[in-house]
Structure formats: structure tokens, C-alpha cells
C-alpha atoms as a PDB file:
ATOM      1  CA  MET A   1       0.000   0.000   0.000  1.00  0.00           C
ATOM      2  CA  SER A   2       1.302   3.447  -0.773  1.00  0.00           C
ATOM      3  CA  LYS A   3       2.221   5.810   2.025  1.00  0.00           C
ATOM      4  CA  LYS A   4      -0.620   8.215   1.286  1.00  0.00           C
ATOM      5  CA  ASN A   5      -3.301   5.504   1.653  1.00  0.00           C
ATOM      6  CA  LYS A   6      -2.249   4.084   5.029  1.00  0.00           C
ATOM      7  CA  SER A   7      -5.034   6.025   6.740  1.00  0.00           C
ATOM      8  CA  LEU A   8      -7.727   4.196   4.732  1.00  0.00           C
ATOM      9  CA  ILE A   9      -9.521   1.484   6.654  1.00  0.00           C
ATOM     10  CA  ASN A  10     -10.691  -1.881   5.261  1.00  0.00           C
ATOM     11  CA  VAL A  11     -11.132  -0.782   1.623  1.00  0.00           C
ATOM     12  CA  VAL A  12      -9.571  -2.793  -1.162  1.00  0.00           C
ATOM     13  CA  TYR A  13     -11.727  -1.721  -4.104  1.00  0.00           C
ATOM     14  CA  SER A  14     -15.137  -0.127  -4.569  1.00  0.00           C
ATOM     15  CA  THR A  15     -17.235   0.080  -7.746  1.00  0.00           C
ATOM     16  CA  ASN A  16     -19.489   2.737  -6.238  1.00  0.00           C
ATOM     17  CA  PRO A  17     -18.543   6.112  -7.822  1.00  0.00           C
ATOM     18  CA  ASN A  18     -19.929   7.976  -4.773  1.00  0.00           C
ATOM     19  CA  PHE A  19     -17.998   5.901  -2.222  1.00  0.00           C
ATOM     20  CA  GLU A  20     -16.083   7.924   0.358  1.00  0.00           C
ATOM     21  CA  TYR A  21     -13.178   6.354   2.156  1.00  0.00           C
ATOM     22  CA  GLN A  22     -13.073   6.210   5.937  1.00  0.00           C
ATOM     23  CA  SER A  23      -9.922   7.552   7.440  1.00  0.00           C
ATOM     24  CA  SER A  24      -8.663   6.677  10.870  1.00  0.00           C
ATOM     25  CA  ASN A  25      -9.626   9.250  13.444  1.00  0.00           C
ATOM     26  CA  ASN A  26      -6.583  10.060  15.583  1.00  0.00           C
ATOM     27  CA  GLU A  27      -8.139  12.753  17.733  1.00  0.00           C
ATOM     28  CA  GLU A  28      -6.873  12.967  21.300  1.00  0.00           C
ATOM     29  CA  GLN A  29      -9.351  12.371  24.088  1.00  0.00           C
ATOM     30  CA  GLU A  30      -9.890  15.120  26.594  1.00  0.00           C
ATOM     31  CA  THR A  31      -8.349  14.328  29.942  1.00  0.00           C
ATOM     32  CA  LEU A  32     -10.909  13.762  32.690  1.00  0.00           C
ATOM     33  CA  GLU A  33     -10.603  15.672  35.944  1.00  0.00           C
ATOM     34  CA  LEU A  34      -8.374  14.049  38.560  1.00  0.00           C
ATOM     35  CA  GLY A  35     -11.273  13.145  40.832  1.00  0.00           C
ATOM     36  CA  LEU A  36     -13.129  11.371  38.009  1.00  0.00           C
ATOM     37  CA  GLN A  37     -10.211   9.183  36.878  1.00  0.00           C
ATOM     38  CA  ALA A  38     -10.734   5.544  37.876  1.00  0.00           C
ATOM     39  CA  LEU A  39      -7.168   4.233  38.050  1.00  0.00           C
ATOM     40  CA  TYR A  40      -6.191   0.681  38.992  1.00  0.00           C
ATOM     41  CA  VAL A  41      -2.819  -0.119  40.562  1.00  0.00           C
ATOM     42  CA  SER A  42      -1.583  -3.717  40.447  1.00  0.00           C
ATOM     43  CA  ILE A  43       1.557  -5.853  40.398  1.00  0.00           C
ATOM     44  CA  ASP A  44       2.334  -7.783  37.222  1.00  0.00           C
ATOM     45  CA  ARG A  45       4.877 -10.568  36.671  1.00  0.00           C
ATOM     46  CA  LYS A  46       3.605 -12.085  33.420  1.00  0.00           C
ATOM     47  CA  GLN A  47       6.160 -12.412  30.613  1.00  0.00           C
ATOM     48  CA  ARG A  48       8.783 -10.500  32.585  1.00  0.00           C
ATOM     49  CA  ALA A  49      11.105 -13.346  33.641  1.00  0.00           C
ATOM     50  CA  GLY A  50       9.687 -13.273  37.176  1.00  0.00           C
ATOM     51  CA  LYS A  51      10.477  -9.592  37.735  1.00  0.00           C
ATOM     52  CA  GLU A  52       7.745  -7.425  39.175  1.00  0.00           C
ATOM     53  CA  VAL A  53       6.376  -4.230  37.695  1.00  0.00           C
ATOM     54  CA  THR A  54       3.720  -1.954  39.099  1.00  0.00           C
ATOM     55  CA  LEU A  55       0.976  -1.453  36.531  1.00  0.00           C
ATOM     56  CA  ILE A  56      -1.283   1.623  36.488  1.00  0.00           C
ATOM     57  CA  GLU A  57      -4.216   1.331  34.099  1.00  0.00           C
ATOM     58  CA  GLY A  58      -7.543   3.021  33.426  1.00  0.00           C
ATOM     59  CA  PHE A  59      -6.275   6.531  32.583  1.00  0.00           C
ATOM     60  CA  ILE A  60      -8.605   8.424  30.248  1.00  0.00           C
ATOM     61  CA  GLY A  61      -7.073  11.373  28.484  1.00  0.00           C
ATOM     62  CA  SER A  62      -4.357  12.588  26.166  1.00  0.00           C
ATOM     63  CA  SER A  63      -1.112  10.702  25.753  1.00  0.00           C
ATOM     64  CA  ASP A  64       0.852  13.770  26.869  1.00  0.00           C
ATOM     65  CA  ASP A  65      -0.967  13.844  30.218  1.00  0.00           C
ATOM     66  CA  LEU A  66      -0.393  10.105  30.621  1.00  0.00           C
ATOM     67  CA  LYS A  67       3.336  10.530  29.932  1.00  0.00           C
ATOM     68  CA  GLU A  68       3.476  13.385  32.426  1.00  0.00           C
ATOM     69  CA  LEU A  69       1.856  11.218  35.122  1.00  0.00           C
ATOM     70  CA  GLY A  70       4.250   8.376  34.282  1.00  0.00           C
ATOM     71  CA  LYS A  71       7.231  10.700  34.609  1.00  0.00           C
ATOM     72  CA  ALA A  72       6.002  11.931  37.999  1.00  0.00           C
ATOM     73  CA  LEU A  73       5.518   8.363  39.264  1.00  0.00           C
ATOM     74  CA  LYS A  74       8.956   7.241  38.054  1.00  0.00           C
ATOM     75  CA  SER A  75      10.589  10.189  39.773  1.00  0.00           C
ATOM     76  CA  LYS A  76       8.580   9.619  42.990  1.00  0.00           C
ATOM     77  CA  CYS A  77       9.722   5.971  43.152  1.00  0.00           C
ATOM     78  CA  GLY A  78      13.244   6.647  41.896  1.00  0.00           C
ATOM     79  CA  VAL A  79      13.113   3.868  39.303  1.00  0.00           C
ATOM     80  CA  GLY A  80      12.615   3.391  35.578  1.00  0.00           C
ATOM     81  CA  GLY A  81       9.439   2.664  33.754  1.00  0.00           C
ATOM     82  CA  THR A  82       7.512   3.238  30.573  1.00  0.00           C
ATOM     83  CA  VAL A  83       4.171   4.390  29.219  1.00  0.00           C
ATOM     84  CA  LYS A  84       2.657   2.242  26.487  1.00  0.00           C
ATOM     85  CA  ASP A  85      -0.770   1.124  25.305  1.00  0.00           C
ATOM     86  CA  GLY A  86      -2.491   3.495  27.727  1.00  0.00           C
ATOM     87  CA  GLU A  87      -0.767   1.937  30.745  1.00  0.00           C
ATOM     88  CA  ILE A  88       2.090   3.023  32.988  1.00  0.00           C
ATOM     89  CA  LEU A  89       4.670   0.391  33.936  1.00  0.00           C
ATOM     90  CA  ILE A  90       6.955   1.153  36.889  1.00  0.00           C
ATOM     91  CA  GLN A  91       9.842  -1.233  37.555  1.00  0.00           C
ATOM     92  CA  GLY A  92       9.568  -2.920  40.934  1.00  0.00           C
ATOM     93  CA  ASN A  93       6.885  -3.452  43.552  1.00  0.00           C
ATOM     94  CA  PHE A  94       5.667   0.050  44.494  1.00  0.00           C
ATOM     95  CA  LYS A  95       1.932  -0.666  44.682  1.00  0.00           C
ATOM     96  CA  ASP A  96       1.339   0.963  48.089  1.00  0.00           C
ATOM     97  CA  LYS A  97       3.613   3.940  47.465  1.00  0.00           C
ATOM     98  CA  ILE A  98       2.009   4.719  44.091  1.00  0.00           C
ATOM     99  CA  PHE A  99      -1.506   4.226  45.484  1.00  0.00           C
ATOM    100  CA  ASP A 100      -0.828   6.679  48.317  1.00  0.00           C
ATOM    101  CA  TYR A 101       0.759   9.185  45.917  1.00  0.00           C
ATOM    102  CA  LEU A 102      -2.209   9.072  43.509  1.00  0.00           C
ATOM    103  CA  ILE A 103      -4.714   9.560  46.349  1.00  0.00           C
ATOM    104  CA  LYS A 104      -2.672  12.499  47.663  1.00  0.00           C
ATOM    105  CA  GLU A 105      -2.563  14.077  44.180  1.00  0.00           C
ATOM    106  CA  GLY A 106      -6.368  13.987  43.877  1.00  0.00           C
ATOM    107  CA  TYR A 107      -7.076  10.742  42.003  1.00  0.00           C
ATOM    108  CA  SER A 108      -9.766   9.819  44.532  1.00  0.00           C
ATOM    109  CA  LYS A 109     -11.230   6.859  42.599  1.00  0.00           C
ATOM    110  CA  THR A 110      -7.924   4.971  42.549  1.00  0.00           C
ATOM    111  CA  LYS A 111      -8.180   1.305  43.572  1.00  0.00           C
ATOM    112  CA  LYS A 112      -5.751  -1.501  44.256  1.00  0.00           C
ATOM    113  CA  LYS A 113      -6.187  -4.534  42.063  1.00  0.00           C
ATOM    114  CA  GLY A 114      -5.017  -8.032  42.958  1.00  0.00           C
ATOM    115  CA  GLY A 115      -3.537  -9.303  46.215  1.00  0.00           C
END
């Protein structure tokens, strides 16, 4: 497929002369207020060679705001991490520390998930 047509979705060929192509809609979502965000904090070990990561999921908003929150959490815990697929991964077991930090920052609907 040519570079200019990569935004077209599920169209190979159409005989309809009035057919209009759908393009992917890459609009950013508006970030919800802190008190309305329902975040879930859990520990994950799957496919990580037994190493633990703290997983924060459920964020609704722009990717820039998610990256900013991820950066703040990494700096608070003093470890590395990443933001991908709408989730924040923090290296190590910092479930309680991150939960307390999010509550203190105003994410009042934050919940712990798992044991």
C-alpha cells in the first residue's frame, strides 16, 4: 500500500462512484478531571522473567498527560518505567507507594487490584 493511503480502513476496491473512504480518526481524548479518573494499581509478573512491575491502568485522556503522570511516578519511586498502550509500567513493587501518591494528588477513585 502506498504511504498516502495508510489512513484508509478496510477498503480494497469499490465500484461505487460515490464511495467515500473512511480515514482513521486520531483525535486525542480530553483528559478527565483528577477526581473522576478511575485508576487501577496492580503488580504484574507475566512475561517479565519473574520480575515485578507496578501497573497503572484506566487513565482516560491525552497521551501527553499520561506521559506526564508516568514521569512523575517514576521520579517519585526513583526507578525506571515506561508508558505504552495506555498503561504506565513502573519497575519494581511500588503498589502501596504509588496508590498513596495518587490519592494524595487527587485521584480519589484509585483502587488496588489483585492481592
